[in-house]
N, C-alpha and C. Protein backbone atom coordinates (compact mmCIF):
# COMPACT_ATOMS: atom_id res chain seq x y z
N MET A 1 -24.49 20.78 111.15
CA MET A 1 -25.33 20.14 110.14
C MET A 1 -26.62 20.93 109.93
N GLY A 2 -27.20 21.45 111.01
CA GLY A 2 -28.44 22.20 110.90
C GLY A 2 -28.26 23.48 110.12
N LEU A 3 -27.12 24.13 110.31
CA LEU A 3 -26.86 25.37 109.59
C LEU A 3 -26.66 25.12 108.10
N GLU A 4 -26.04 24.00 107.76
CA GLU A 4 -25.86 23.66 106.35
C GLU A 4 -27.20 23.42 105.67
N ALA A 5 -28.13 22.79 106.38
CA ALA A 5 -29.46 22.55 105.82
C ALA A 5 -30.20 23.87 105.62
N LEU A 6 -30.04 24.79 106.56
CA LEU A 6 -30.68 26.10 106.42
C LEU A 6 -30.10 26.88 105.24
N VAL A 7 -28.79 26.80 105.07
CA VAL A 7 -28.14 27.49 103.94
C VAL A 7 -28.59 26.87 102.63
N TRP A 8 -28.72 25.52 102.58
CA TRP A 8 -29.21 24.87 101.38
C TRP A 8 -30.66 25.26 101.09
N TYR A 9 -31.49 25.30 102.12
CA TYR A 9 -32.91 25.60 101.95
C TYR A 9 -33.13 27.05 101.52
N CYS A 10 -32.41 27.97 102.11
CA CYS A 10 -32.64 29.40 101.84
C CYS A 10 -31.78 29.96 100.71
N ARG A 11 -30.62 29.39 100.47
CA ARG A 11 -29.68 29.87 99.47
C ARG A 11 -29.42 31.37 99.57
N PRO A 12 -28.93 31.84 100.71
CA PRO A 12 -28.63 33.28 100.80
C PRO A 12 -27.36 33.62 100.02
N VAL A 13 -27.31 34.81 99.49
CA VAL A 13 -26.13 35.30 98.79
C VAL A 13 -25.44 36.28 99.73
N PRO A 14 -24.25 35.93 100.22
CA PRO A 14 -23.55 36.86 101.12
C PRO A 14 -23.24 38.17 100.39
N ASN A 15 -23.50 39.26 101.04
CA ASN A 15 -23.31 40.60 100.49
C ASN A 15 -24.07 40.80 99.17
N GLY A 16 -25.17 40.09 99.01
CA GLY A 16 -26.02 40.26 97.83
C GLY A 16 -27.00 41.40 98.04
N ASP A 17 -27.90 41.55 97.10
CA ASP A 17 -28.87 42.65 97.17
C ASP A 17 -29.79 42.53 98.37
N TRP A 18 -30.22 41.31 98.71
CA TRP A 18 -31.11 41.16 99.86
C TRP A 18 -30.39 41.49 101.16
N ALA A 19 -29.11 41.21 101.25
CA ALA A 19 -28.36 41.49 102.47
C ALA A 19 -28.09 42.98 102.64
N THR A 20 -27.94 43.69 101.55
CA THR A 20 -27.57 45.11 101.64
C THR A 20 -28.76 46.05 101.53
N THR A 21 -29.82 45.64 100.85
CA THR A 21 -30.94 46.54 100.58
C THR A 21 -31.95 46.59 101.71
N VAL A 22 -32.32 45.44 102.25
CA VAL A 22 -33.38 45.36 103.24
C VAL A 22 -32.80 45.61 104.63
N ASP A 23 -33.43 46.52 105.37
CA ASP A 23 -32.97 46.85 106.71
C ASP A 23 -33.78 46.08 107.74
N ASN A 24 -33.37 44.84 108.01
CA ASN A 24 -33.97 44.07 109.10
C ASN A 24 -32.95 43.06 109.61
N ALA A 25 -33.32 42.30 110.61
CA ALA A 25 -32.38 41.40 111.26
C ALA A 25 -32.09 40.14 110.44
N PHE A 26 -32.92 39.83 109.45
CA PHE A 26 -32.73 38.59 108.70
C PHE A 26 -31.70 38.70 107.61
N GLY A 27 -31.45 39.89 107.11
CA GLY A 27 -30.42 40.11 106.10
C GLY A 27 -30.67 39.32 104.83
N ALA A 28 -29.71 38.49 104.44
CA ALA A 28 -29.82 37.72 103.20
C ALA A 28 -30.89 36.64 103.29
N TYR A 29 -31.31 36.31 104.50
CA TYR A 29 -32.35 35.29 104.70
C TYR A 29 -33.77 35.87 104.65
N THR A 30 -33.91 37.16 104.39
CA THR A 30 -35.22 37.82 104.42
C THR A 30 -36.26 37.16 103.51
N PRO A 31 -35.98 36.92 102.23
CA PRO A 31 -37.02 36.30 101.40
C PRO A 31 -37.40 34.91 101.88
N CYS A 32 -36.44 34.15 102.36
CA CYS A 32 -36.71 32.81 102.86
C CYS A 32 -37.60 32.84 104.09
N VAL A 33 -37.28 33.72 105.03
CA VAL A 33 -38.05 33.80 106.27
C VAL A 33 -39.46 34.28 106.01
N VAL A 34 -39.60 35.33 105.22
CA VAL A 34 -40.94 35.87 104.97
C VAL A 34 -41.77 34.87 104.16
N ASP A 35 -41.18 34.27 103.15
CA ASP A 35 -41.94 33.32 102.33
C ASP A 35 -42.30 32.07 103.14
N SER A 36 -41.38 31.57 103.94
CA SER A 36 -41.65 30.35 104.70
C SER A 36 -42.60 30.58 105.86
N LEU A 37 -42.39 31.66 106.59
CA LEU A 37 -43.20 31.88 107.79
C LEU A 37 -44.54 32.57 107.50
N VAL A 38 -44.58 33.44 106.53
CA VAL A 38 -45.81 34.18 106.28
C VAL A 38 -46.66 33.48 105.22
N ILE A 39 -46.09 33.27 104.06
CA ILE A 39 -46.86 32.73 102.94
C ILE A 39 -47.19 31.26 103.15
N CYS A 40 -46.20 30.45 103.49
CA CYS A 40 -46.46 29.01 103.66
C CYS A 40 -47.45 28.74 104.79
N ILE A 41 -47.28 29.39 105.92
CA ILE A 41 -48.17 29.13 107.04
C ILE A 41 -49.59 29.58 106.74
N SER A 42 -49.76 30.73 106.11
CA SER A 42 -51.11 31.19 105.79
C SER A 42 -51.78 30.24 104.78
N HIS A 43 -51.02 29.74 103.83
CA HIS A 43 -51.61 28.80 102.87
C HIS A 43 -51.86 27.43 103.51
N LEU A 44 -51.04 27.02 104.45
CA LEU A 44 -51.31 25.77 105.16
C LEU A 44 -52.58 25.88 106.00
N VAL A 45 -52.82 27.04 106.59
CA VAL A 45 -54.06 27.25 107.34
C VAL A 45 -55.26 27.16 106.39
N LEU A 46 -55.17 27.81 105.23
CA LEU A 46 -56.25 27.74 104.26
C LEU A 46 -56.46 26.31 103.77
N LEU A 47 -55.39 25.58 103.55
CA LEU A 47 -55.49 24.19 103.12
C LEU A 47 -56.23 23.35 104.15
N GLY A 48 -55.87 23.51 105.42
CA GLY A 48 -56.54 22.76 106.48
C GLY A 48 -58.02 23.11 106.58
N LEU A 49 -58.34 24.38 106.51
CA LEU A 49 -59.74 24.81 106.59
C LEU A 49 -60.56 24.27 105.42
N CYS A 50 -60.00 24.31 104.23
CA CYS A 50 -60.72 23.82 103.05
C CYS A 50 -60.90 22.30 103.10
N LEU A 51 -59.87 21.59 103.54
CA LEU A 51 -60.00 20.14 103.65
C LEU A 51 -61.05 19.75 104.68
N TYR A 52 -61.14 20.48 105.78
CA TYR A 52 -62.17 20.18 106.77
C TYR A 52 -63.56 20.47 106.22
N ARG A 53 -63.70 21.56 105.50
CA ARG A 53 -65.02 21.87 104.91
C ARG A 53 -65.39 20.86 103.83
N ILE A 54 -64.41 20.40 103.05
CA ILE A 54 -64.68 19.34 102.07
C ILE A 54 -65.15 18.09 102.78
N TRP A 55 -64.51 17.77 103.89
CA TRP A 55 -64.92 16.59 104.66
C TRP A 55 -66.34 16.77 105.19
N LEU A 56 -66.69 17.95 105.66
CA LEU A 56 -68.05 18.20 106.13
C LEU A 56 -69.08 18.07 105.01
N ILE A 57 -68.72 18.53 103.82
CA ILE A 57 -69.64 18.46 102.69
C ILE A 57 -69.86 17.01 102.26
N THR A 58 -68.80 16.23 102.22
CA THR A 58 -68.90 14.87 101.70
C THR A 58 -69.33 13.85 102.75
N ASP A 59 -69.28 14.20 104.03
CA ASP A 59 -69.64 13.25 105.08
C ASP A 59 -71.15 13.12 105.16
N LYS A 60 -71.64 11.93 104.94
CA LYS A 60 -73.08 11.68 104.96
C LYS A 60 -73.62 11.58 106.39
N ASN A 61 -72.77 11.29 107.36
CA ASN A 61 -73.21 11.11 108.74
C ASN A 61 -73.15 12.40 109.55
N SER A 62 -72.69 13.48 108.95
CA SER A 62 -72.60 14.72 109.72
C SER A 62 -73.99 15.31 109.94
N LYS A 63 -74.10 16.12 110.96
CA LYS A 63 -75.38 16.74 111.28
C LYS A 63 -75.60 18.03 110.49
N ALA A 64 -74.72 18.30 109.55
CA ALA A 64 -74.84 19.51 108.74
C ALA A 64 -76.02 19.37 107.78
N ARG A 65 -76.78 20.43 107.68
CA ARG A 65 -77.92 20.43 106.76
C ARG A 65 -77.40 20.76 105.37
N HIS A 66 -77.82 19.96 104.41
CA HIS A 66 -77.38 20.12 103.03
C HIS A 66 -78.42 20.92 102.27
N TYR A 67 -77.91 21.86 101.47
CA TYR A 67 -78.77 22.72 100.67
C TYR A 67 -78.33 22.63 99.22
N CYS A 68 -79.18 23.12 98.35
CA CYS A 68 -78.85 23.27 96.94
C CYS A 68 -79.01 24.75 96.60
N LEU A 69 -77.97 25.34 96.04
CA LEU A 69 -78.02 26.76 95.71
C LEU A 69 -78.95 27.02 94.53
N ARG A 70 -79.62 28.16 94.55
CA ARG A 70 -80.52 28.52 93.44
C ARG A 70 -79.73 28.79 92.17
N THR A 71 -78.66 29.51 92.31
CA THR A 71 -77.83 29.83 91.15
C THR A 71 -76.37 29.61 91.52
N ASN A 72 -75.59 29.19 90.56
CA ASN A 72 -74.18 28.90 90.80
C ASN A 72 -73.26 29.92 90.17
N TYR A 73 -73.79 31.04 89.69
CA TYR A 73 -72.95 32.03 89.02
C TYR A 73 -71.85 32.55 89.93
N TYR A 74 -72.17 32.80 91.18
CA TYR A 74 -71.18 33.28 92.14
C TYR A 74 -70.09 32.23 92.35
N ASN A 75 -70.49 30.97 92.44
CA ASN A 75 -69.50 29.90 92.60
C ASN A 75 -68.64 29.74 91.36
N TYR A 76 -69.21 29.95 90.18
CA TYR A 76 -68.42 29.86 88.96
C TYR A 76 -67.36 30.96 88.92
N LEU A 77 -67.72 32.15 89.34
CA LEU A 77 -66.75 33.25 89.41
C LEU A 77 -65.65 32.94 90.43
N LEU A 78 -66.06 32.44 91.60
CA LEU A 78 -65.06 32.05 92.60
C LEU A 78 -64.19 30.91 92.10
N GLY A 79 -64.78 30.01 91.34
CA GLY A 79 -64.02 28.90 90.76
C GLY A 79 -62.98 29.39 89.77
N LEU A 80 -63.33 30.39 88.96
CA LEU A 80 -62.35 30.96 88.03
C LEU A 80 -61.19 31.62 88.77
N LEU A 81 -61.52 32.35 89.83
CA LEU A 81 -60.45 32.98 90.62
C LEU A 81 -59.57 31.93 91.29
N ALA A 82 -60.19 30.89 91.84
CA ALA A 82 -59.41 29.82 92.48
C ALA A 82 -58.57 29.06 91.45
N ALA A 83 -59.11 28.88 90.24
CA ALA A 83 -58.33 28.21 89.19
C ALA A 83 -57.12 29.05 88.81
N TYR A 84 -57.30 30.36 88.69
CA TYR A 84 -56.16 31.23 88.40
C TYR A 84 -55.13 31.16 89.51
N CYS A 85 -55.59 31.19 90.75
CA CYS A 85 -54.67 31.14 91.89
C CYS A 85 -53.99 29.78 92.01
N THR A 86 -54.57 28.74 91.42
CA THR A 86 -53.93 27.42 91.39
C THR A 86 -52.89 27.36 90.28
N VAL A 87 -53.21 27.92 89.13
CA VAL A 87 -52.32 27.82 87.97
C VAL A 87 -51.10 28.73 88.11
N GLN A 88 -51.27 29.88 88.72
CA GLN A 88 -50.18 30.86 88.82
C GLN A 88 -48.95 30.31 89.54
N PRO A 89 -49.06 29.68 90.73
CA PRO A 89 -47.84 29.13 91.33
C PRO A 89 -47.28 27.94 90.56
N LEU A 90 -48.15 27.16 89.92
CA LEU A 90 -47.65 26.05 89.11
C LEU A 90 -46.88 26.57 87.90
N PHE A 91 -47.36 27.65 87.28
CA PHE A 91 -46.64 28.26 86.17
C PHE A 91 -45.28 28.76 86.62
N ARG A 92 -45.26 29.45 87.76
CA ARG A 92 -43.98 29.95 88.27
C ARG A 92 -43.03 28.81 88.60
N LEU A 93 -43.57 27.70 89.10
CA LEU A 93 -42.73 26.55 89.46
C LEU A 93 -42.15 25.88 88.22
N PHE A 94 -42.99 25.62 87.21
CA PHE A 94 -42.52 24.91 86.03
C PHE A 94 -41.71 25.79 85.09
N MET A 95 -41.98 27.08 85.07
CA MET A 95 -41.22 27.99 84.21
C MET A 95 -40.00 28.58 84.92
N ASN A 96 -39.81 28.21 86.19
CA ASN A 96 -38.64 28.63 86.96
C ASN A 96 -38.58 30.15 87.11
N VAL A 97 -39.70 30.77 87.44
CA VAL A 97 -39.79 32.22 87.61
C VAL A 97 -39.76 32.54 89.10
N SER A 98 -38.79 33.33 89.49
CA SER A 98 -38.62 33.70 90.89
C SER A 98 -38.92 35.18 91.07
N ILE A 99 -39.63 35.49 92.16
CA ILE A 99 -39.85 36.91 92.46
C ILE A 99 -38.79 37.44 93.41
N PHE A 100 -37.93 36.55 93.90
CA PHE A 100 -36.90 36.95 94.85
C PHE A 100 -35.51 36.99 94.24
N ASN A 101 -35.38 36.75 92.97
CA ASN A 101 -34.07 36.64 92.35
C ASN A 101 -33.54 38.01 91.99
N LEU A 102 -32.83 38.60 92.92
CA LEU A 102 -32.16 39.88 92.65
C LEU A 102 -30.67 39.69 92.41
N ASP A 103 -30.16 38.52 92.76
CA ASP A 103 -28.72 38.29 92.72
C ASP A 103 -28.26 37.45 91.54
N GLY A 104 -29.13 37.20 90.58
CA GLY A 104 -28.74 36.48 89.37
C GLY A 104 -28.66 34.98 89.51
N GLN A 105 -29.36 34.39 90.46
CA GLN A 105 -29.37 32.94 90.59
C GLN A 105 -30.16 32.35 89.44
N THR A 106 -29.77 31.16 89.02
CA THR A 106 -30.38 30.58 87.82
C THR A 106 -31.59 29.70 88.11
N ALA A 107 -31.73 29.21 89.32
CA ALA A 107 -32.84 28.29 89.63
C ALA A 107 -33.60 28.80 90.86
N LEU A 108 -34.80 28.26 91.02
CA LEU A 108 -35.58 28.58 92.22
C LEU A 108 -34.90 27.99 93.45
N ALA A 109 -34.96 28.71 94.53
CA ALA A 109 -34.45 28.19 95.79
C ALA A 109 -35.44 27.16 96.34
N PRO A 110 -34.97 26.21 97.15
CA PRO A 110 -35.89 25.20 97.70
C PRO A 110 -37.05 25.80 98.48
N PHE A 111 -36.84 26.91 99.19
CA PHE A 111 -37.95 27.50 99.94
C PHE A 111 -39.03 28.01 99.00
N GLU A 112 -38.64 28.49 97.82
CA GLU A 112 -39.63 28.95 96.85
C GLU A 112 -40.41 27.78 96.26
N MET A 113 -39.72 26.66 96.02
CA MET A 113 -40.41 25.49 95.49
C MET A 113 -41.43 24.97 96.49
N VAL A 114 -41.05 24.89 97.75
CA VAL A 114 -41.97 24.42 98.78
C VAL A 114 -43.16 25.37 98.89
N SER A 115 -42.89 26.65 98.89
CA SER A 115 -43.95 27.63 99.01
C SER A 115 -44.92 27.57 97.83
N LEU A 116 -44.40 27.42 96.63
CA LEU A 116 -45.26 27.35 95.44
C LEU A 116 -46.11 26.08 95.43
N ILE A 117 -45.54 24.97 95.90
CA ILE A 117 -46.31 23.72 95.97
C ILE A 117 -47.42 23.85 97.00
N VAL A 118 -47.12 24.44 98.16
CA VAL A 118 -48.15 24.62 99.19
C VAL A 118 -49.23 25.56 98.71
N GLU A 119 -48.85 26.63 98.02
CA GLU A 119 -49.84 27.56 97.45
C GLU A 119 -50.76 26.85 96.47
N ALA A 120 -50.17 26.08 95.56
CA ALA A 120 -50.98 25.38 94.56
C ALA A 120 -51.92 24.37 95.22
N LEU A 121 -51.44 23.66 96.22
CA LEU A 121 -52.30 22.69 96.91
C LEU A 121 -53.45 23.37 97.64
N SER A 122 -53.16 24.48 98.30
CA SER A 122 -54.23 25.15 99.05
C SER A 122 -55.29 25.71 98.12
N TRP A 123 -54.87 26.32 97.01
CA TRP A 123 -55.86 26.86 96.08
C TRP A 123 -56.58 25.76 95.32
N CYS A 124 -55.91 24.64 95.08
CA CYS A 124 -56.58 23.51 94.44
C CYS A 124 -57.65 22.94 95.37
N SER A 125 -57.36 22.87 96.67
CA SER A 125 -58.38 22.40 97.61
C SER A 125 -59.54 23.39 97.67
N THR A 126 -59.25 24.67 97.55
CA THR A 126 -60.31 25.67 97.48
C THR A 126 -61.16 25.47 96.23
N LEU A 127 -60.52 25.19 95.11
CA LEU A 127 -61.23 24.94 93.86
C LEU A 127 -62.12 23.70 93.98
N ILE A 128 -61.61 22.65 94.59
CA ILE A 128 -62.41 21.43 94.79
C ILE A 128 -63.60 21.73 95.71
N MET A 129 -63.37 22.49 96.77
CA MET A 129 -64.44 22.84 97.69
C MET A 129 -65.53 23.64 96.97
N ILE A 130 -65.13 24.59 96.14
CA ILE A 130 -66.10 25.39 95.40
C ILE A 130 -66.86 24.51 94.41
N GLY A 131 -66.17 23.58 93.78
CA GLY A 131 -66.84 22.65 92.87
C GLY A 131 -67.87 21.79 93.58
N LEU A 132 -67.53 21.33 94.78
CA LEU A 132 -68.49 20.54 95.55
C LEU A 132 -69.68 21.38 95.99
N GLU A 133 -69.45 22.65 96.28
CA GLU A 133 -70.53 23.52 96.73
C GLU A 133 -71.53 23.83 95.63
N THR A 134 -71.18 23.59 94.38
CA THR A 134 -72.17 23.79 93.32
C THR A 134 -73.25 22.71 93.37
N ARG A 135 -72.94 21.54 93.94
CA ARG A 135 -73.92 20.47 94.07
C ARG A 135 -74.55 20.44 95.46
N ILE A 136 -73.71 20.52 96.49
CA ILE A 136 -74.17 20.44 97.88
C ILE A 136 -73.58 21.61 98.64
N TYR A 137 -74.43 22.35 99.32
CA TYR A 137 -73.97 23.51 100.08
C TYR A 137 -74.34 23.31 101.54
N ILE A 138 -73.40 23.59 102.42
CA ILE A 138 -73.67 23.57 103.86
C ILE A 138 -73.27 24.92 104.42
N GLN A 139 -73.89 25.29 105.53
CA GLN A 139 -73.58 26.58 106.14
C GLN A 139 -72.45 26.48 107.16
N GLN A 140 -72.20 25.30 107.68
CA GLN A 140 -71.19 25.13 108.71
C GLN A 140 -69.79 25.42 108.16
N PHE A 141 -69.02 26.11 108.96
CA PHE A 141 -67.60 26.35 108.74
C PHE A 141 -67.30 27.27 107.57
N ARG A 142 -68.28 27.94 106.98
CA ARG A 142 -68.00 28.79 105.84
C ARG A 142 -67.25 30.05 106.23
N TRP A 143 -67.53 30.61 107.42
CA TRP A 143 -66.85 31.83 107.83
C TRP A 143 -65.39 31.57 108.18
N TYR A 144 -65.07 30.39 108.65
CA TYR A 144 -63.67 30.07 108.92
C TYR A 144 -62.86 30.05 107.63
N VAL A 145 -63.44 29.50 106.57
CA VAL A 145 -62.75 29.49 105.28
C VAL A 145 -62.58 30.91 104.76
N ARG A 146 -63.59 31.74 104.94
CA ARG A 146 -63.48 33.14 104.49
C ARG A 146 -62.38 33.87 105.25
N PHE A 147 -62.30 33.65 106.55
CA PHE A 147 -61.23 34.26 107.33
C PHE A 147 -59.86 33.69 106.93
N GLY A 148 -59.83 32.43 106.54
CA GLY A 148 -58.59 31.84 106.03
C GLY A 148 -58.13 32.51 104.76
N VAL A 149 -59.06 32.83 103.87
CA VAL A 149 -58.72 33.53 102.64
C VAL A 149 -58.22 34.94 102.96
N ILE A 150 -58.86 35.59 103.92
CA ILE A 150 -58.40 36.93 104.34
C ILE A 150 -57.00 36.84 104.94
N TYR A 151 -56.73 35.79 105.70
CA TYR A 151 -55.40 35.58 106.28
C TYR A 151 -54.35 35.42 105.18
N VAL A 152 -54.69 34.69 104.11
CA VAL A 152 -53.78 34.54 102.98
C VAL A 152 -53.56 35.89 102.31
N LEU A 153 -54.61 36.68 102.16
CA LEU A 153 -54.46 38.00 101.53
C LEU A 153 -53.58 38.93 102.36
N VAL A 154 -53.69 38.84 103.68
CA VAL A 154 -52.81 39.65 104.53
C VAL A 154 -51.36 39.20 104.37
N GLY A 155 -51.13 37.90 104.28
CA GLY A 155 -49.78 37.40 104.03
C GLY A 155 -49.23 37.86 102.69
N GLU A 156 -50.08 37.82 101.67
CA GLU A 156 -49.65 38.30 100.35
C GLU A 156 -49.37 39.80 100.37
N ALA A 157 -50.13 40.55 101.16
CA ALA A 157 -49.87 41.99 101.28
C ALA A 157 -48.52 42.24 101.96
N ALA A 158 -48.18 41.43 102.95
CA ALA A 158 -46.87 41.55 103.59
C ALA A 158 -45.75 41.25 102.60
N MET A 159 -45.97 40.24 101.75
CA MET A 159 -44.98 39.91 100.73
C MET A 159 -44.86 41.04 99.70
N LEU A 160 -45.99 41.62 99.31
CA LEU A 160 -45.96 42.75 98.38
C LEU A 160 -45.21 43.94 98.98
N ASN A 161 -45.40 44.17 100.27
CA ASN A 161 -44.68 45.25 100.95
C ASN A 161 -43.17 45.00 100.90
N LEU A 162 -42.76 43.76 101.08
CA LEU A 162 -41.34 43.42 100.99
C LEU A 162 -40.81 43.63 99.58
N ILE A 163 -41.57 43.19 98.59
CA ILE A 163 -41.13 43.34 97.20
C ILE A 163 -41.07 44.81 96.80
N LEU A 164 -42.05 45.60 97.24
CA LEU A 164 -42.03 47.02 96.91
C LEU A 164 -40.87 47.75 97.57
N SER A 165 -40.39 47.24 98.71
CA SER A 165 -39.27 47.90 99.37
C SER A 165 -37.98 47.75 98.59
N VAL A 166 -37.89 46.74 97.73
CA VAL A 166 -36.69 46.55 96.91
C VAL A 166 -37.00 46.71 95.42
N SER A 167 -38.08 47.41 95.11
CA SER A 167 -38.49 47.54 93.70
C SER A 167 -37.48 48.29 92.86
N ASP A 168 -36.71 49.16 93.46
CA ASP A 168 -35.67 49.86 92.70
C ASP A 168 -34.63 48.90 92.17
N ASP A 169 -34.33 47.86 92.94
CA ASP A 169 -33.35 46.87 92.48
C ASP A 169 -33.91 46.01 91.35
N TYR A 170 -35.21 45.80 91.32
CA TYR A 170 -35.80 45.09 90.19
C TYR A 170 -35.65 45.89 88.91
N HIS A 171 -35.87 47.19 89.01
CA HIS A 171 -35.76 48.03 87.83
C HIS A 171 -34.31 48.18 87.37
N SER A 172 -33.37 48.14 88.29
CA SER A 172 -31.97 48.26 87.90
C SER A 172 -31.48 46.99 87.21
N ARG A 173 -32.19 45.87 87.39
CA ARG A 173 -31.82 44.62 86.73
C ARG A 173 -32.31 44.55 85.29
N ALA A 174 -33.22 45.45 84.91
CA ALA A 174 -33.74 45.44 83.55
C ALA A 174 -32.62 45.85 82.59
N PRO A 175 -32.53 45.20 81.43
CA PRO A 175 -31.47 45.55 80.49
C PRO A 175 -31.67 46.96 79.95
N SER A 176 -30.59 47.65 79.80
CA SER A 176 -30.68 49.01 79.25
C SER A 176 -30.96 48.93 77.75
N SER A 177 -31.41 50.03 77.21
CA SER A 177 -31.76 50.03 75.78
C SER A 177 -30.53 49.79 74.91
N SER A 178 -29.35 50.29 75.32
CA SER A 178 -28.16 50.07 74.52
C SER A 178 -27.75 48.61 74.57
N ALA A 179 -27.85 47.98 75.74
CA ALA A 179 -27.53 46.56 75.84
C ALA A 179 -28.51 45.73 75.05
N LEU A 180 -29.77 46.14 75.07
CA LEU A 180 -30.78 45.42 74.32
C LEU A 180 -30.56 45.56 72.82
N SER A 181 -30.17 46.74 72.38
CA SER A 181 -29.93 46.94 70.95
C SER A 181 -28.71 46.16 70.49
N ARG A 182 -27.69 46.03 71.37
CA ARG A 182 -26.52 45.22 71.00
C ARG A 182 -26.90 43.75 70.87
N CYS A 183 -27.83 43.29 71.72
CA CYS A 183 -28.24 41.89 71.65
C CYS A 183 -29.06 41.61 70.39
N LEU A 184 -29.81 42.60 69.95
CA LEU A 184 -30.66 42.39 68.78
C LEU A 184 -29.89 42.48 67.49
N THR A 185 -28.74 43.15 67.47
CA THR A 185 -27.96 43.28 66.22
C THR A 185 -26.95 42.19 66.07
């Protein structure tokens, strides 16, 4: 029963591109393992750190000293970046866009849906935290959140490294000009 759940969650394609192209022990499960263990965990850490900082900002009984920033331009820029990082996984989720689809699957795998939801939640909590910091700023726990963002960036770099290792297969999936011209006529 446990193996069936894993196969449902990861949706590996036996002898597919992921099984033959990537040289590691996970084989067809490579995108599932990397996305679940690297991306999801790093975003869950960021989510936890942001929620704790939001709680520190909103808690009136905390011993944290509250400040008001002189200018919020830096926070507005960070808010735009966090908004983009929130919208991007939601767009991929609703438009059914997969970065791991080398084998012609028609829908997102469950691991991708879970990962995109966790990403959107973590960046949305970051956006809320930045919005709260425009009114009330505290110094406590800010470096932990910054290290959490760096941890997410390292996870995304690992995912980029995986995608670049199979980039030739992405280009081979592009329609040829003759096939494209036949479709247009």
